[in-house]
Amino acid sequence: MHTTRRRTRRRRRRAVPWRAALLVAVLLGMGGCGAGDVEIADGQRHRGDITLAVGNVDIGSDCIVEGGVSLQAGNVDVGDRTLIEGPVQVKHGNVVLQEDVQVPAVTVIGGTIELGRGTVVTGPVRLTSGLVKIGGARVGGQVQLVRGRLEVDRGSVLEMGLRAVNPGSSLRDSTYVVIKSGARVAGTVEVSGSARLIVETGADTGEADFTGIAPGGGP
């Protein structure tokens, strides 16, 4: 692991959510370990997994991580053209992958996932409670959303479709999907519960198989 002082030009860091702050206190009270921040400078190689109970992982541009990233609470920010060979998993936090990042899978429970232009996730993207913003990235696996918002922006490609669920206990209209003009979605598009799907004019869904609700419809 390579640890450096913060570089002069840094990306915006998100605050750790209040649930994460509460978890910090619990872990410290239990004598938990693995709290702190990990920073990897531009162009560096990290061998093995990065695992933290609480903290932030800041990976620079043009890096290689020979493993995955796992946090119980905190944020992951990955710079341009970085390769992460294992899955990225966060509970109570945020994952931001900048441009041209490569990773096999992303999972977040309670937070946000942001995928920048040219980023490739070869497997699934999963989120429970929060926001997924796909900003010109390609996702090879299914995008799965339980409660929250999914935005598929121009230039994005979902090769295996998406599944959005708004459980019966959730507020009506608390889950919705927007496929914007210039995005392409193939595979099965499944929307269930009281979730809403909006497909803008100019979105390419010709190869998609819609299940559960008509495009542009809603409860």
Foldseek 3Di string as FASTA:
>chain_A
DDADDDDPDDDDFDDWDPVLVVQVVVCVVVVHDFAEEAEAEAQEEAEEEAEGAYYEYEYEENYEYNEEYEYATEEYEYYHQYEYEAEYEYERYEYEYEAQYEYQEYEYEHYEYEAYANYEHQEEYEYEAEEYEYHQYEYNYEYEYEFAEYEADANYEYEAEYAYEDDPVHDAQRAEYEYEANYEYAHEHHYDDQYYAEYDPNYHDPRYDYPHDDHRDGD
